[in-house]
Amino acid sequence: MPVAPTADHLLDTPLPQLLAELDAELRLLPIDDETICGVTEVRDGQLTLELSSLWPAPLRELMARSMLGEALRVPLPALPEPFALTVL
């Protein structure tokens, strides 16, 4: 996995460009549990975000950036209520 970006870079870079820079993959899945927006998987250095296709695009983008920050250990502002990231 590449060197972690800064918080500003994570928040300001267009998401497709950011994913390409990080060699990360974004998959949209029909997750039908409305309390789950998605999951992040790091396997063999490859970062994969799996997000619910049922959530609106702006929310998916917000969650993707937050999930990237968590996976790369880049401190970001807290998510607005009622959203939260859970690390298993």
N, C-alpha and C. Protein backbone atom coordinates (compact mmCIF):
# COMPACT_ATOMS: atom_id res chain seq x y z
N MET A 1 0.85 -1.17 0.00
CA MET A 1 0.00 0.00 0.00
C MET A 1 0.90 1.24 0.00
N PRO A 2 0.55 2.27 -0.76
CA PRO A 2 1.36 3.49 -0.83
C PRO A 2 1.39 4.23 0.51
N VAL A 3 2.29 5.21 0.59
CA VAL A 3 2.39 6.05 1.79
C VAL A 3 1.07 6.78 1.99
N ALA A 4 0.65 6.89 3.23
CA ALA A 4 -0.63 7.53 3.55
C ALA A 4 -0.62 9.00 3.15
N PRO A 5 -1.72 9.47 2.58
CA PRO A 5 -1.83 10.89 2.23
C PRO A 5 -2.14 11.72 3.47
N THR A 6 -2.11 13.03 3.30
CA THR A 6 -2.51 13.93 4.39
C THR A 6 -4.03 13.95 4.47
N ALA A 7 -4.53 14.47 5.58
CA ALA A 7 -5.98 14.60 5.75
C ALA A 7 -6.56 15.50 4.65
N ASP A 8 -5.90 16.61 4.37
CA ASP A 8 -6.40 17.52 3.33
C ASP A 8 -6.48 16.82 1.98
N HIS A 9 -5.47 16.03 1.67
CA HIS A 9 -5.47 15.31 0.39
C HIS A 9 -6.61 14.29 0.35
N LEU A 10 -6.82 13.59 1.45
CA LEU A 10 -7.91 12.61 1.51
C LEU A 10 -9.28 13.26 1.32
N LEU A 11 -9.43 14.46 1.86
CA LEU A 11 -10.73 15.13 1.82
C LEU A 11 -10.97 15.93 0.55
N ASP A 12 -9.90 16.40 -0.10
CA ASP A 12 -10.07 17.33 -1.22
C ASP A 12 -9.86 16.73 -2.61
N THR A 13 -9.17 15.62 -2.70
CA THR A 13 -8.87 15.01 -3.99
C THR A 13 -10.12 14.31 -4.53
N PRO A 14 -10.44 14.48 -5.81
CA PRO A 14 -11.58 13.74 -6.37
C PRO A 14 -11.43 12.24 -6.06
N LEU A 15 -12.52 11.63 -5.64
CA LEU A 15 -12.46 10.24 -5.17
C LEU A 15 -11.86 9.28 -6.20
N PRO A 16 -12.24 9.34 -7.49
CA PRO A 16 -11.62 8.41 -8.44
C PRO A 16 -10.09 8.57 -8.51
N GLN A 17 -9.62 9.81 -8.46
CA GLN A 17 -8.17 10.07 -8.48
C GLN A 17 -7.53 9.52 -7.21
N LEU A 18 -8.16 9.75 -6.07
CA LEU A 18 -7.63 9.28 -4.79
C LEU A 18 -7.52 7.76 -4.78
N LEU A 19 -8.56 7.08 -5.24
CA LEU A 19 -8.53 5.62 -5.29
C LEU A 19 -7.40 5.13 -6.18
N ALA A 20 -7.21 5.79 -7.32
CA ALA A 20 -6.13 5.40 -8.24
C ALA A 20 -4.76 5.61 -7.59
N GLU A 21 -4.58 6.75 -6.93
CA GLU A 21 -3.30 7.04 -6.27
C GLU A 21 -2.98 6.01 -5.19
N LEU A 22 -4.02 5.55 -4.50
CA LEU A 22 -3.83 4.60 -3.40
C LEU A 22 -3.90 3.15 -3.86
N ASP A 23 -4.09 2.96 -5.16
CA ASP A 23 -4.26 1.61 -5.70
C ASP A 23 -5.35 0.87 -4.93
N ALA A 24 -6.43 1.59 -4.65
CA ALA A 24 -7.56 1.04 -3.91
C ALA A 24 -8.71 0.76 -4.87
N GLU A 25 -9.53 -0.19 -4.49
CA GLU A 25 -10.67 -0.56 -5.33
C GLU A 25 -11.96 -0.25 -4.57
N LEU A 26 -12.94 0.28 -5.28
CA LEU A 26 -14.26 0.56 -4.72
C LEU A 26 -15.27 -0.33 -5.42
N ARG A 27 -15.99 -1.10 -4.64
CA ARG A 27 -17.04 -1.97 -5.19
C ARG A 27 -18.37 -1.55 -4.58
N LEU A 28 -19.39 -1.49 -5.42
CA LEU A 28 -20.74 -1.21 -4.94
C LEU A 28 -21.49 -2.53 -4.86
N LEU A 29 -22.06 -2.80 -3.70
CA LEU A 29 -22.77 -4.04 -3.46
C LEU A 29 -24.19 -3.74 -2.98
N PRO A 30 -25.14 -4.61 -3.29
CA PRO A 30 -26.52 -4.40 -2.82
C PRO A 30 -26.68 -4.86 -1.36
N ILE A 31 -26.01 -4.16 -0.44
CA ILE A 31 -26.11 -4.49 0.98
C ILE A 31 -27.49 -4.02 1.44
N ASP A 32 -28.34 -4.96 1.83
CA ASP A 32 -29.72 -4.57 2.13
C ASP A 32 -29.97 -4.24 3.60
N ASP A 33 -28.94 -4.24 4.42
CA ASP A 33 -29.06 -3.82 5.81
C ASP A 33 -28.79 -2.31 5.85
N GLU A 34 -29.83 -1.52 6.09
CA GLU A 34 -29.67 -0.07 6.01
C GLU A 34 -28.82 0.52 7.12
N THR A 35 -28.43 -0.29 8.10
CA THR A 35 -27.53 0.21 9.15
C THR A 35 -26.06 0.02 8.77
N ILE A 36 -25.80 -0.65 7.64
CA ILE A 36 -24.43 -0.88 7.19
C ILE A 36 -24.21 -0.17 5.87
N CYS A 37 -23.23 0.73 5.86
CA CYS A 37 -22.91 1.45 4.63
C CYS A 37 -21.86 0.71 3.82
N GLY A 38 -20.96 -0.01 4.51
CA GLY A 38 -19.93 -0.73 3.78
C GLY A 38 -18.87 -1.29 4.69
N VAL A 39 -17.88 -1.90 4.05
CA VAL A 39 -16.75 -2.49 4.78
C VAL A 39 -15.46 -2.18 4.02
N THR A 40 -14.37 -2.19 4.77
CA THR A 40 -13.03 -2.02 4.20
C THR A 40 -12.26 -3.31 4.43
N GLU A 41 -11.58 -3.74 3.41
CA GLU A 41 -10.76 -4.94 3.54
C GLU A 41 -9.35 -4.62 3.06
N VAL A 42 -8.36 -5.01 3.86
CA VAL A 42 -6.96 -4.90 3.46
C VAL A 42 -6.43 -6.32 3.42
N ARG A 43 -6.06 -6.75 2.23
CA ARG A 43 -5.55 -8.11 2.06
C ARG A 43 -4.35 -8.06 1.13
N ASP A 44 -3.24 -8.59 1.61
CA ASP A 44 -2.00 -8.62 0.82
C ASP A 44 -1.63 -7.23 0.32
N GLY A 45 -1.85 -6.21 1.17
CA GLY A 45 -1.50 -4.85 0.81
C GLY A 45 -2.50 -4.15 -0.10
N GLN A 46 -3.54 -4.85 -0.52
CA GLN A 46 -4.57 -4.27 -1.40
C GLN A 46 -5.73 -3.77 -0.55
N LEU A 47 -6.12 -2.53 -0.77
CA LEU A 47 -7.21 -1.91 -0.04
C LEU A 47 -8.47 -1.95 -0.90
N THR A 48 -9.53 -2.55 -0.36
CA THR A 48 -10.80 -2.64 -1.07
C THR A 48 -11.91 -2.07 -0.20
N LEU A 49 -12.69 -1.15 -0.76
CA LEU A 49 -13.86 -0.61 -0.09
C LEU A 49 -15.09 -1.22 -0.75
N GLU A 50 -15.97 -1.77 0.06
CA GLU A 50 -17.23 -2.31 -0.45
C GLU A 50 -18.34 -1.50 0.19
N LEU A 51 -19.06 -0.74 -0.64
CA LEU A 51 -20.09 0.16 -0.15
C LEU A 51 -21.45 -0.23 -0.69
N SER A 52 -22.48 0.10 0.08
CA SER A 52 -23.84 -0.21 -0.33
C SER A 52 -24.25 0.63 -1.52
N SER A 53 -24.71 -0.02 -2.56
CA SER A 53 -25.21 0.69 -3.74
C SER A 53 -26.55 1.35 -3.46
N LEU A 54 -27.17 1.01 -2.34
CA LEU A 54 -28.49 1.55 -2.00
C LEU A 54 -28.41 2.91 -1.30
N TRP A 55 -27.22 3.29 -0.83
CA TRP A 55 -27.05 4.58 -0.18
C TRP A 55 -26.80 5.65 -1.24
N PRO A 56 -27.19 6.91 -0.99
CA PRO A 56 -26.96 7.98 -1.96
C PRO A 56 -25.46 8.20 -2.20
N ALA A 57 -25.13 8.61 -3.41
CA ALA A 57 -23.73 8.81 -3.80
C ALA A 57 -22.96 9.75 -2.85
N PRO A 58 -23.53 10.89 -2.43
CA PRO A 58 -22.76 11.76 -1.52
C PRO A 58 -22.42 11.06 -0.19
N LEU A 59 -23.32 10.25 0.31
CA LEU A 59 -23.05 9.53 1.55
C LEU A 59 -21.99 8.45 1.33
N ARG A 60 -22.06 7.77 0.19
CA ARG A 60 -21.03 6.77 -0.12
C ARG A 60 -19.66 7.43 -0.19
N GLU A 61 -19.59 8.61 -0.80
CA GLU A 61 -18.30 9.30 -0.91
C GLU A 61 -17.78 9.71 0.47
N LEU A 62 -18.65 10.24 1.31
CA LEU A 62 -18.26 10.60 2.67
C LEU A 62 -17.73 9.39 3.42
N MET A 63 -18.44 8.28 3.33
CA MET A 63 -18.03 7.07 4.04
C MET A 63 -16.73 6.51 3.45
N ALA A 64 -16.59 6.55 2.13
CA ALA A 64 -15.37 6.04 1.50
C ALA A 64 -14.15 6.81 2.00
N ARG A 65 -14.24 8.12 2.07
CA ARG A 65 -13.12 8.93 2.55
C ARG A 65 -12.81 8.63 4.01
N SER A 66 -13.85 8.48 4.81
CA SER A 66 -13.66 8.15 6.23
C SER A 66 -13.04 6.77 6.40
N MET A 67 -13.50 5.82 5.60
CA MET A 67 -12.96 4.46 5.66
C MET A 67 -11.50 4.43 5.21
N LEU A 68 -11.17 5.21 4.18
CA LEU A 68 -9.78 5.30 3.75
C LEU A 68 -8.91 5.89 4.86
N GLY A 69 -9.40 6.96 5.49
CA GLY A 69 -8.65 7.57 6.58
C GLY A 69 -8.39 6.59 7.71
N GLU A 70 -9.40 5.83 8.06
CA GLU A 70 -9.25 4.83 9.13
C GLU A 70 -8.25 3.76 8.73
N ALA A 71 -8.39 3.24 7.52
CA ALA A 71 -7.50 2.16 7.06
C ALA A 71 -6.05 2.62 6.96
N LEU A 72 -5.86 3.88 6.59
CA LEU A 72 -4.50 4.41 6.42
C LEU A 72 -3.99 5.12 7.67
N ARG A 73 -4.83 5.14 8.71
CA ARG A 73 -4.49 5.79 9.99
C ARG A 73 -4.20 7.27 9.82
N VAL A 74 -5.04 7.91 9.02
CA VAL A 74 -4.96 9.36 8.83
C VAL A 74 -6.10 9.98 9.63
N PRO A 75 -5.79 10.79 10.64
CA PRO A 75 -6.86 11.41 11.44
C PRO A 75 -7.71 12.34 10.58
N LEU A 76 -9.02 12.14 10.65
CA LEU A 76 -9.98 12.97 9.93
C LEU A 76 -11.02 13.48 10.91
N PRO A 77 -11.75 14.54 10.53
CA PRO A 77 -12.84 15.00 11.40
C PRO A 77 -13.85 13.87 11.63
N ALA A 78 -14.50 13.94 12.78
CA ALA A 78 -15.51 12.93 13.11
C ALA A 78 -16.66 12.98 12.12
N LEU A 79 -17.25 11.82 11.88
CA LEU A 79 -18.43 11.75 11.03
C LEU A 79 -19.61 12.41 11.74
N PRO A 80 -20.54 12.99 10.97
CA PRO A 80 -21.73 13.57 11.61
C PRO A 80 -22.60 12.46 12.20
N GLU A 81 -23.33 12.79 13.25
CA GLU A 81 -24.28 11.83 13.83
C GLU A 81 -25.34 11.52 12.79
N PRO A 82 -25.82 10.34 12.68
CA PRO A 82 -25.66 9.17 13.53
C PRO A 82 -24.58 8.21 13.01
N PHE A 83 -23.72 8.67 12.10
CA PHE A 83 -22.76 7.78 11.45
C PHE A 83 -21.54 7.53 12.33
N ALA A 84 -20.97 6.35 12.18
CA ALA A 84 -19.77 5.98 12.92
C ALA A 84 -19.08 4.84 12.19
N LEU A 85 -17.76 4.77 12.35
CA LEU A 85 -17.00 3.64 11.82
C LEU A 85 -16.76 2.66 12.96
N THR A 86 -16.89 1.40 12.65
CA THR A 86 -16.61 0.35 13.62
C THR A 86 -15.47 -0.49 13.08
N VAL A 87 -14.43 -0.64 13.86
CA VAL A 87 -13.27 -1.44 13.46
C VAL A 87 -13.39 -2.79 14.14
N LEU A 88 -13.37 -3.85 13.33
CA LEU A 88 -13.47 -5.20 13.88
C LEU A 88 -12.11 -5.86 13.89
